[in-house]
Structure formats: structure tokens, C-alpha cells
């Protein structure tokens, strides 16, 4: 198996948490995007998404991990990107991210230990605390990073999601199989 991460000192407990994941949930702004909101001259909101993050999400789906977006904002760009990636559950306009994650887990018959959540700011904190595998991108606020099980080296919208997807695949023993398809 390839190295599980760039950090060889990764705790075995963290690897164990990642091995259990069946639902990968994420915030959008500052996680799946870089957090910038751009309005064009027609006052239409645009966001930029990193292609490698999307490929990581598709790879999780290939191994049976469900995907969810839970975001406090409403954006047609999020709906479009989620559809492109085959995200299973899109919950927008909700600040109660923990409640949404817990409700979704219950609906899927999952224990919270089987849920990963990645978020970057205070509205994500409770979901991150209660998820089985709580992740913060490098650009997260300190309170979130200090609480997370795992902090990525990359920032949101610039590979953080892909880093976590690869970590989960490695922890679950799927990474080498996945890579073999491209050799």
C-alpha cells in the first residue's frame, strides 16, 4: 500500500476512523471552493471548483461511499457541480449542519462514526465534532482546525477535498486498486 499520507506520524486512531466512512459530507465555501464569492456585472454569483477535488469525490463513489453537500448558502452553481459529480444529497440554505448530517445518517441507517465531515468555519464545528472523521482544510479557522481529527495540507478549493478522498481510499485499502486503472 502506498503511504497513507504525506505525514508518516499519522495516528492509527485517525486511520481507523477513516476506515469506517460510508458517507462523506462537506461544506462548500472554503472547502469545495476557495471561499470567494464573485458577482459578475449582472449580479450573478460564480464559484470556482478544483477539478482534482471532483475526481476525488468520484473515486469515493466508485467504492460505495455516499456524498453529501451541506451548506448555509443557496447557489445554482452548487446544484450544477453536485449534479456533474453525482453527489447523492445536496442540502442548501441550512446553518444547522450537524442536525442535517445526523438526520441524513439516520435516514441512511448509518452511525455517526461512519460519517466524515469537512468544514472550514464555525457553522461547521458541531458537525465536525460529532462526525466519526472530522476534517478541516488548511484555511479553516483555528477553532475548527484545533477540533478536527485531520487537517489537510491543502486549502479549500485547491485540493483539500482530494487529499481527504485519497486518505480515505488509502485507509480503506482501495487506493492501489483505484490507481491501477490508470496504469
C-alpha atoms as a PDB file:
ATOM      1  CA  UNK A   1       0.000   0.000   0.000  1.00  0.00           C
ATOM      2  CA  UNK A   2       1.236   3.483  -0.800  1.00  0.00           C
ATOM      3  CA  UNK A   3       1.981   5.754   2.116  1.00  0.00           C
ATOM      4  CA  UNK A   4      -1.295   6.674   3.708  1.00  0.00           C
ATOM      5  CA  UNK A   5      -0.338  10.327   3.864  1.00  0.00           C
ATOM      6  CA  UNK A   6       2.473  12.779   3.486  1.00  0.00           C
ATOM      7  CA  UNK A   7       2.814  12.658   7.287  1.00  0.00           C
ATOM      8  CA  UNK A   8       4.226   9.332   8.430  1.00  0.00           C
ATOM      9  CA  UNK A   9       3.292  10.146  12.025  1.00  0.00           C
ATOM     10  CA  UNK A  10      -0.430   9.867  11.329  1.00  0.00           C
ATOM     11  CA  UNK A  11      -2.176   8.370  14.327  1.00  0.00           C
ATOM     12  CA  UNK A  12      -3.553   4.829  13.897  1.00  0.00           C
ATOM     13  CA  UNK A  13      -6.793   6.026  15.501  1.00  0.00           C
ATOM     14  CA  UNK A  14      -7.262   8.519  12.648  1.00  0.00           C
ATOM     15  CA  UNK A  15      -6.694   5.771  10.084  1.00  0.00           C
ATOM     16  CA  UNK A  16      -9.224   3.617  11.946  1.00  0.00           C
ATOM     17  CA  UNK A  17     -11.785   6.443  11.776  1.00  0.00           C
ATOM     18  CA  UNK A  18     -11.264   6.822   8.019  1.00  0.00           C
ATOM     19  CA  UNK A  19     -11.676   3.062   7.513  1.00  0.00           C
ATOM     20  CA  UNK A  20     -15.284   3.239   8.749  1.00  0.00           C
ATOM     21  CA  UNK A  21     -16.510   6.002   6.420  1.00  0.00           C
ATOM     22  CA  UNK A  22     -19.616   5.323   4.326  1.00  0.00           C
ATOM     23  CA  UNK A  23     -20.829   8.941   3.977  1.00  0.00           C
ATOM     24  CA  UNK A  24     -18.583  11.867   3.049  1.00  0.00           C
ATOM     25  CA  UNK A  25     -20.254  15.214   3.743  1.00  0.00           C
ATOM     26  CA  UNK A  26     -18.823  18.630   3.029  1.00  0.00           C
ATOM     27  CA  UNK A  27     -19.392  22.335   3.226  1.00  0.00           C
ATOM     28  CA  UNK A  28     -18.911  24.297   0.001  1.00  0.00           C
ATOM     29  CA  UNK A  29     -17.477  27.785   0.519  1.00  0.00           C
ATOM     30  CA  UNK A  30     -13.918  27.450   1.804  1.00  0.00           C
ATOM     31  CA  UNK A  31     -13.938  23.671   1.290  1.00  0.00           C
ATOM     32  CA  UNK A  32     -15.135  22.629  -2.165  1.00  0.00           C
ATOM     33  CA  UNK A  33     -14.442  26.173  -3.390  1.00  0.00           C
ATOM     34  CA  UNK A  34     -11.822  28.648  -2.221  1.00  0.00           C
ATOM     35  CA  UNK A  35     -14.447  30.616  -0.321  1.00  0.00           C
ATOM     36  CA  UNK A  36     -14.543  33.586  -2.676  1.00  0.00           C
ATOM     37  CA  UNK A  37     -17.923  34.679  -3.951  1.00  0.00           C
ATOM     38  CA  UNK A  38     -17.727  36.599  -7.205  1.00  0.00           C
ATOM     39  CA  UNK A  39     -20.630  38.547  -8.685  1.00  0.00           C
ATOM     40  CA  UNK A  40     -20.488  39.415 -12.367  1.00  0.00           C
ATOM     41  CA  UNK A  41     -21.886  42.638 -13.844  1.00  0.00           C
ATOM     42  CA  UNK A  42     -25.321  41.000 -13.993  1.00  0.00           C
ATOM     43  CA  UNK A  43     -25.118  40.266 -10.252  1.00  0.00           C
ATOM     44  CA  UNK A  44     -24.886  36.548 -10.908  1.00  0.00           C
ATOM     45  CA  UNK A  45     -22.827  34.624  -8.372  1.00  0.00           C
ATOM     46  CA  UNK A  46     -19.999  32.445  -9.626  1.00  0.00           C
ATOM     47  CA  UNK A  47     -17.726  29.978  -7.867  1.00  0.00           C
ATOM     48  CA  UNK A  48     -14.635  28.100  -8.955  1.00  0.00           C
ATOM     49  CA  UNK A  49     -14.256  24.395  -8.228  1.00  0.00           C
ATOM     50  CA  UNK A  50     -10.985  22.446  -8.411  1.00  0.00           C
ATOM     51  CA  UNK A  51     -11.151  19.576 -10.892  1.00  0.00           C
ATOM     52  CA  UNK A  52      -8.933  17.293  -8.798  1.00  0.00           C
ATOM     53  CA  UNK A  53     -11.322  17.651  -5.852  1.00  0.00           C
ATOM     54  CA  UNK A  54     -14.137  16.487  -8.112  1.00  0.00           C
ATOM     55  CA  UNK A  55     -12.139  13.495  -9.283  1.00  0.00           C
ATOM     56  CA  UNK A  56     -11.508  12.537  -5.659  1.00  0.00           C
ATOM     57  CA  UNK A  57     -15.234  12.623  -4.933  1.00  0.00           C
ATOM     58  CA  UNK A  58     -15.995  10.465  -7.965  1.00  0.00           C
ATOM     59  CA  UNK A  59     -13.384   7.978  -6.726  1.00  0.00           C
ATOM     60  CA  UNK A  60     -15.143   7.692  -3.346  1.00  0.00           C
ATOM     61  CA  UNK A  61     -18.437   6.940  -5.093  1.00  0.00           C
ATOM     62  CA  UNK A  62     -16.727   4.173  -7.078  1.00  0.00           C
ATOM     63  CA  UNK A  63     -16.076   2.412  -3.764  1.00  0.00           C
ATOM     64  CA  UNK A  64     -19.593   2.837  -2.407  1.00  0.00           C
ATOM     65  CA  UNK A  65     -19.158   5.948  -0.288  1.00  0.00           C
ATOM     66  CA  UNK A  66     -22.151   8.285  -0.476  1.00  0.00           C
ATOM     67  CA  UNK A  67     -21.565  12.013  -0.949  1.00  0.00           C
ATOM     68  CA  UNK A  68     -23.390  14.937   0.637  1.00  0.00           C
ATOM     69  CA  UNK A  69     -23.131  18.704   0.476  1.00  0.00           C
ATOM     70  CA  UNK A  70     -24.427  20.657   3.456  1.00  0.00           C
ATOM     71  CA  UNK A  71     -24.111  24.416   3.024  1.00  0.00           C
ATOM     72  CA  UNK A  72     -25.576  27.513   4.583  1.00  0.00           C
ATOM     73  CA  UNK A  73     -25.921  29.331   1.275  1.00  0.00           C
ATOM     74  CA  UNK A  74     -28.114  28.650  -1.741  1.00  0.00           C
ATOM     75  CA  UNK A  75     -26.404  28.586  -5.115  1.00  0.00           C
ATOM     76  CA  UNK A  76     -27.345  27.197  -8.516  1.00  0.00           C
ATOM     77  CA  UNK A  77     -23.595  26.694  -9.075  1.00  0.00           C
ATOM     78  CA  UNK A  78     -23.580  24.170  -6.225  1.00  0.00           C
ATOM     79  CA  UNK A  79     -26.512  22.290  -7.737  1.00  0.00           C
ATOM     80  CA  UNK A  80     -24.749  22.176 -11.087  1.00  0.00           C
ATOM     81  CA  UNK A  81     -21.423  20.967  -9.685  1.00  0.00           C
ATOM     82  CA  UNK A  82     -23.148  18.402  -7.462  1.00  0.00           C
ATOM     83  CA  UNK A  83     -25.031  17.017 -10.455  1.00  0.00           C
ATOM     84  CA  UNK A  84     -21.806  16.789 -12.507  1.00  0.00           C
ATOM     85  CA  UNK A  85     -20.121  14.820  -9.721  1.00  0.00           C
ATOM     86  CA  UNK A  86     -23.076  12.620  -8.834  1.00  0.00           C
ATOM     87  CA  UNK A  87     -23.363  13.957  -5.287  1.00  0.00           C
ATOM     88  CA  UNK A  88     -26.130  11.944  -3.649  1.00  0.00           C
ATOM     89  CA  UNK A  89     -27.519  14.551  -1.241  1.00  0.00           C
ATOM     90  CA  UNK A  90     -27.466  18.344  -1.578  1.00  0.00           C
ATOM     91  CA  UNK A  91     -28.720  20.370   1.365  1.00  0.00           C
ATOM     92  CA  UNK A  92     -28.519  24.132   0.847  1.00  0.00           C
ATOM     93  CA  UNK A  93     -29.615  27.139   2.865  1.00  0.00           C
ATOM     94  CA  UNK A  94     -29.179  25.389   6.219  1.00  0.00           C
ATOM     95  CA  UNK A  95     -26.948  26.612   9.017  1.00  0.00           C
ATOM     96  CA  UNK A  96     -27.811  23.644  11.277  1.00  0.00           C
ATOM     97  CA  UNK A  97     -25.237  21.424   9.614  1.00  0.00           C
ATOM     98  CA  UNK A  98     -24.936  18.962  12.494  1.00  0.00           C
ATOM     99  CA  UNK A  99     -28.698  18.389  12.549  1.00  0.00           C
ATOM    100  CA  UNK A 100     -28.718  17.887   8.786  1.00  0.00           C
ATOM    101  CA  UNK A 101     -25.790  15.448   8.943  1.00  0.00           C
ATOM    102  CA  UNK A 102     -27.322  13.479  11.813  1.00  0.00           C
ATOM    103  CA  UNK A 103     -30.713  13.306  10.091  1.00  0.00           C
ATOM    104  CA  UNK A 104     -29.115  12.133   6.855  1.00  0.00           C
ATOM    105  CA  UNK A 105     -27.061   9.493   8.670  1.00  0.00           C
ATOM    106  CA  UNK A 106     -30.184   8.190  10.417  1.00  0.00           C
ATOM    107  CA  UNK A 107     -32.080   8.091   7.122  1.00  0.00           C
ATOM    108  CA  UNK A 108     -29.257   6.029   5.612  1.00  0.00           C
ATOM    109  CA  UNK A 109     -29.069   3.723   8.632  1.00  0.00           C
ATOM    110  CA  UNK A 110     -25.570   4.912   9.485  1.00  0.00           C
ATOM    111  CA  UNK A 111     -23.941   5.576  12.802  1.00  0.00           C
ATOM    112  CA  UNK A 112     -22.176   8.950  13.067  1.00  0.00           C
ATOM    113  CA  UNK A 113     -18.874   7.042  13.268  1.00  0.00           C
ATOM    114  CA  UNK A 114     -19.450   6.139   9.613  1.00  0.00           C
ATOM    115  CA  UNK A 115     -19.710   9.794   8.567  1.00  0.00           C
ATOM    116  CA  UNK A 116     -16.884  12.101   7.550  1.00  0.00           C
ATOM    117  CA  UNK A 117     -17.423  15.855   7.524  1.00  0.00           C
ATOM    118  CA  UNK A 118     -15.099  18.550   6.202  1.00  0.00           C
ATOM    119  CA  UNK A 119     -15.728  22.173   7.094  1.00  0.00           C
ATOM    120  CA  UNK A 120     -13.759  25.370   7.488  1.00  0.00           C
ATOM    121  CA  UNK A 121     -15.683  27.752   9.750  1.00  0.00           C
ATOM    122  CA  UNK A 122     -17.649  27.972  12.979  1.00  0.00           C
ATOM    123  CA  UNK A 123     -21.010  26.902  11.477  1.00  0.00           C
ATOM    124  CA  UNK A 124     -19.279  23.585  10.642  1.00  0.00           C
ATOM    125  CA  UNK A 125     -17.882  22.996  14.119  1.00  0.00           C
ATOM    126  CA  UNK A 126     -20.679  20.903  15.655  1.00  0.00           C
ATOM    127  CA  UNK A 127     -20.964  18.652  12.582  1.00  0.00           C
ATOM    128  CA  UNK A 128     -17.198  18.213  12.576  1.00  0.00           C
ATOM    129  CA  UNK A 129     -17.123  17.376  16.296  1.00  0.00           C
ATOM    130  CA  UNK A 130     -19.855  14.728  16.043  1.00  0.00           C
ATOM    131  CA  UNK A 131     -18.781  13.142  12.753  1.00  0.00           C
ATOM    132  CA  UNK A 132     -16.745   9.981  13.021  1.00  0.00           C
ATOM    133  CA  UNK A 133     -13.982  11.604  10.985  1.00  0.00           C
ATOM    134  CA  UNK A 134     -13.864  15.400  11.267  1.00  0.00           C
ATOM    135  CA  UNK A 135     -11.646  17.198   8.772  1.00  0.00           C
ATOM    136  CA  UNK A 136     -10.553  20.805   8.345  1.00  0.00           C
ATOM    137  CA  UNK A 137      -8.843  22.266   5.291  1.00  0.00           C
ATOM    138  CA  UNK A 138      -5.618  24.205   5.883  1.00  0.00           C
ATOM    139  CA  UNK A 139      -7.502  27.504   5.504  1.00  0.00           C
ATOM    140  CA  UNK A 140     -10.017  26.720   8.276  1.00  0.00           C
ATOM    141  CA  UNK A 141     -10.333  28.989  11.290  1.00  0.00           C
ATOM    142  CA  UNK A 142      -8.240  27.908  14.262  1.00  0.00           C
ATOM    143  CA  UNK A 143     -11.203  26.694  16.334  1.00  0.00           C
ATOM    144  CA  UNK A 144     -12.102  24.258  13.567  1.00  0.00           C
ATOM    145  CA  UNK A 145      -8.521  23.118  12.936  1.00  0.00           C
ATOM    146  CA  UNK A 146      -7.958  22.569  16.664  1.00  0.00           C
ATOM    147  CA  UNK A 147     -11.047  20.334  16.845  1.00  0.00           C
ATOM    148  CA  UNK A 148     -10.531  18.324  13.651  1.00  0.00           C
ATOM    149  CA  UNK A 149      -9.257  14.760  13.570  1.00  0.00           C
ATOM    150  CA  UNK A 150      -7.306  15.616  10.426  1.00  0.00           C
ATOM    151  CA  UNK A 151      -6.144  18.940   8.942  1.00  0.00           C
ATOM    152  CA  UNK A 152      -5.221  18.898   5.275  1.00  0.00           C
ATOM    153  CA  UNK A 153      -2.065  20.463   3.923  1.00  0.00           C
ATOM    154  CA  UNK A 154      -4.018  21.917   1.016  1.00  0.00           C
ATOM    155  CA  UNK A 155      -6.606  24.664   1.213  1.00  0.00           C
ATOM    156  CA  UNK A 156     -10.268  24.569   0.289  1.00  0.00           C
ATOM    157  CA  UNK A 157     -10.882  24.821  -3.436  1.00  0.00           C
ATOM    158  CA  UNK A 158      -7.242  23.874  -4.037  1.00  0.00           C
ATOM    159  CA  UNK A 159      -7.038  20.154  -3.350  1.00  0.00           C
ATOM    160  CA  UNK A 160      -8.145  19.765   0.287  1.00  0.00           C
ATOM    161  CA  UNK A 161     -11.117  17.595  -0.659  1.00  0.00           C
ATOM    162  CA  UNK A 162      -8.966  15.415  -2.926  1.00  0.00           C
ATOM    163  CA  UNK A 163      -6.429  14.995  -0.126  1.00  0.00           C
ATOM    164  CA  UNK A 164      -9.140  13.657   2.181  1.00  0.00           C
ATOM    165  CA  UNK A 165     -10.650  11.431  -0.516  1.00  0.00           C
ATOM    166  CA  UNK A 166      -7.248   9.870  -1.176  1.00  0.00           C
ATOM    167  CA  UNK A 167      -6.674   9.441   2.558  1.00  0.00           C
ATOM    168  CA  UNK A 168      -9.983   7.596   2.957  1.00  0.00           C
ATOM    169  CA  UNK A 169      -9.288   5.378  -0.061  1.00  0.00           C
ATOM    170  CA  UNK A 170      -5.854   4.506   1.327  1.00  0.00           C
ATOM    171  CA  UNK A 171      -7.220   3.811   4.813  1.00  0.00           C
ATOM    172  CA  UNK A 172      -9.885   1.523   3.338  1.00  0.00           C
ATOM    173  CA  UNK A 173      -7.362  -0.289   1.152  1.00  0.00           C
ATOM    174  CA  UNK A 174      -8.813   0.871  -2.191  1.00  0.00           C
ATOM    175  CA  UNK A 175      -6.190   3.345  -3.343  1.00  0.00           C
ATOM    176  CA  UNK A 176      -3.823   0.942  -5.103  1.00  0.00           C
ATOM    177  CA  UNK A 177      -6.743  -0.704  -6.918  1.00  0.00           C
ATOM    178  CA  UNK A 178      -8.041   2.697  -7.981  1.00  0.00           C
ATOM    179  CA  UNK A 179      -4.638   3.818  -9.267  1.00  0.00           C
ATOM    180  CA  UNK A 180      -4.172   0.535 -11.163  1.00  0.00           C
ATOM    181  CA  UNK A 181      -6.979   1.558 -13.551  1.00  0.00           C
ATOM    182  CA  UNK A 182      -4.787   4.365 -14.832  1.00  0.00           C
ATOM    183  CA  UNK A 183      -1.551   2.440 -15.338  1.00  0.00           C
END
